[in-house]
């Protein structure tokens, strides 16, 4: 007899995404600024995006090249946002 987990993996991932979204919303609403905060928010965004790619797009068990391609795209977008923020400070 197989024991059913209390929370399904996709539900757990959704709850993590929800919690991280709430955290970044709170940071935005509180008006906290600075490169460290922006870096944290971008890293959180990159992590959340990778979770969506892995679990909700179903690419967790595909070749590393496909996952790497999407991770590279996400890294490029987050990097460009970070650079734009840094340039706006100067």
Protein backbone atom coordinates (compact mmCIF):
# COMPACT_ATOMS: atom_id res chain seq x y z
CA UNK A 1 0.00 0.00 0.00
CA UNK A 2 1.38 3.37 -1.03
CA UNK A 3 1.14 6.22 1.41
CA UNK A 4 -0.27 9.42 -0.09
CA UNK A 5 1.66 12.59 0.83
CA UNK A 6 -0.13 15.20 2.89
CA UNK A 7 0.54 17.91 0.31
CA UNK A 8 1.07 17.16 -3.36
CA UNK A 9 4.35 18.51 -4.82
CA UNK A 10 2.59 20.91 -7.20
CA UNK A 11 0.57 22.32 -4.29
CA UNK A 12 3.73 22.80 -2.25
CA UNK A 13 5.43 24.59 -5.15
CA UNK A 14 2.36 26.80 -5.56
CA UNK A 15 2.43 27.69 -1.85
CA UNK A 16 6.14 28.56 -2.07
CA UNK A 17 5.47 30.74 -5.11
CA UNK A 18 2.62 32.42 -3.28
CA UNK A 19 4.78 33.10 -0.20
CA UNK A 20 7.65 34.52 -2.27
CA UNK A 21 5.24 36.70 -4.23
CA UNK A 22 3.80 38.01 -0.96
CA UNK A 23 7.31 38.75 0.31
CA UNK A 24 8.27 40.71 -2.80
CA UNK A 25 4.94 42.55 -2.69
CA UNK A 26 5.62 43.51 0.92
CA UNK A 27 9.10 44.77 -0.02
CA UNK A 28 7.63 46.86 -2.82
CA UNK A 29 4.86 48.32 -0.66
CA UNK A 30 7.19 49.17 2.22
CA UNK A 31 9.38 51.28 -0.05
CA UNK A 32 12.64 49.56 0.84
CA UNK A 33 15.27 50.36 -1.79
CA UNK A 34 18.91 49.67 -2.52
CA UNK A 35 21.00 47.38 -4.65
CA UNK A 36 20.84 44.55 -2.10
CA UNK A 37 17.03 44.62 -2.07
CA UNK A 38 16.83 44.79 -5.86
CA UNK A 39 19.30 41.90 -6.08
CA UNK A 40 17.20 39.90 -3.63
CA UNK A 41 13.98 40.58 -5.54
CA UNK A 42 15.62 39.67 -8.87
CA UNK A 43 17.09 36.47 -7.39
CA UNK A 44 13.67 35.60 -5.99
CA UNK A 45 12.13 36.25 -9.40
CA UNK A 46 14.73 34.03 -11.05
CA UNK A 47 14.07 31.26 -8.52
CA UNK A 48 10.29 31.54 -8.95
CA UNK A 49 10.60 31.50 -12.74
CA UNK A 50 12.74 28.38 -12.61
CA UNK A 51 10.17 26.69 -10.38
CA UNK A 52 7.45 27.50 -12.93
CA UNK A 53 9.63 26.09 -15.72
CA UNK A 54 10.39 22.92 -13.76
CA UNK A 55 7.03 22.10 -12.25
CA UNK A 56 4.26 23.83 -14.19
CA UNK A 57 5.80 23.69 -17.65
CA UNK A 58 6.87 20.12 -16.91
CA UNK A 59 10.53 20.54 -17.86
CA UNK A 60 12.05 19.15 -14.68
CA UNK A 61 13.07 15.85 -16.29
CA UNK A 62 14.02 16.96 -19.80
CA UNK A 63 17.51 17.37 -21.20
CA UNK A 64 19.70 19.90 -19.45
CA UNK A 65 20.03 21.90 -22.66
CA UNK A 66 16.35 22.88 -22.64
CA UNK A 67 16.36 23.82 -18.99
CA UNK A 68 19.63 25.69 -19.49
CA UNK A 69 18.20 27.60 -22.43
CA UNK A 70 15.24 28.83 -20.39
CA UNK A 71 17.43 29.54 -17.35
CA UNK A 72 19.81 31.53 -19.55
CA UNK A 73 16.90 33.56 -20.92
CA UNK A 74 15.62 34.27 -17.41
CA UNK A 75 19.12 35.16 -16.24
CA UNK A 76 19.54 37.54 -19.18
CA UNK A 77 16.23 39.30 -18.49
CA UNK A 78 16.90 39.63 -14.75
CA UNK A 79 20.45 40.80 -15.48
CA UNK A 80 19.21 43.48 -17.86
CA UNK A 81 16.71 44.70 -15.27
CA UNK A 82 19.49 44.84 -12.68
CA UNK A 83 21.76 46.78 -15.02
CA UNK A 84 18.95 49.21 -15.87
CA UNK A 85 18.34 49.79 -12.16
CA UNK A 86 22.05 50.33 -11.53
CA UNK A 87 22.33 52.81 -14.41
CA UNK A 88 19.32 54.70 -13.12
CA UNK A 89 21.14 55.26 -9.80
CA UNK A 90 24.07 57.04 -11.44
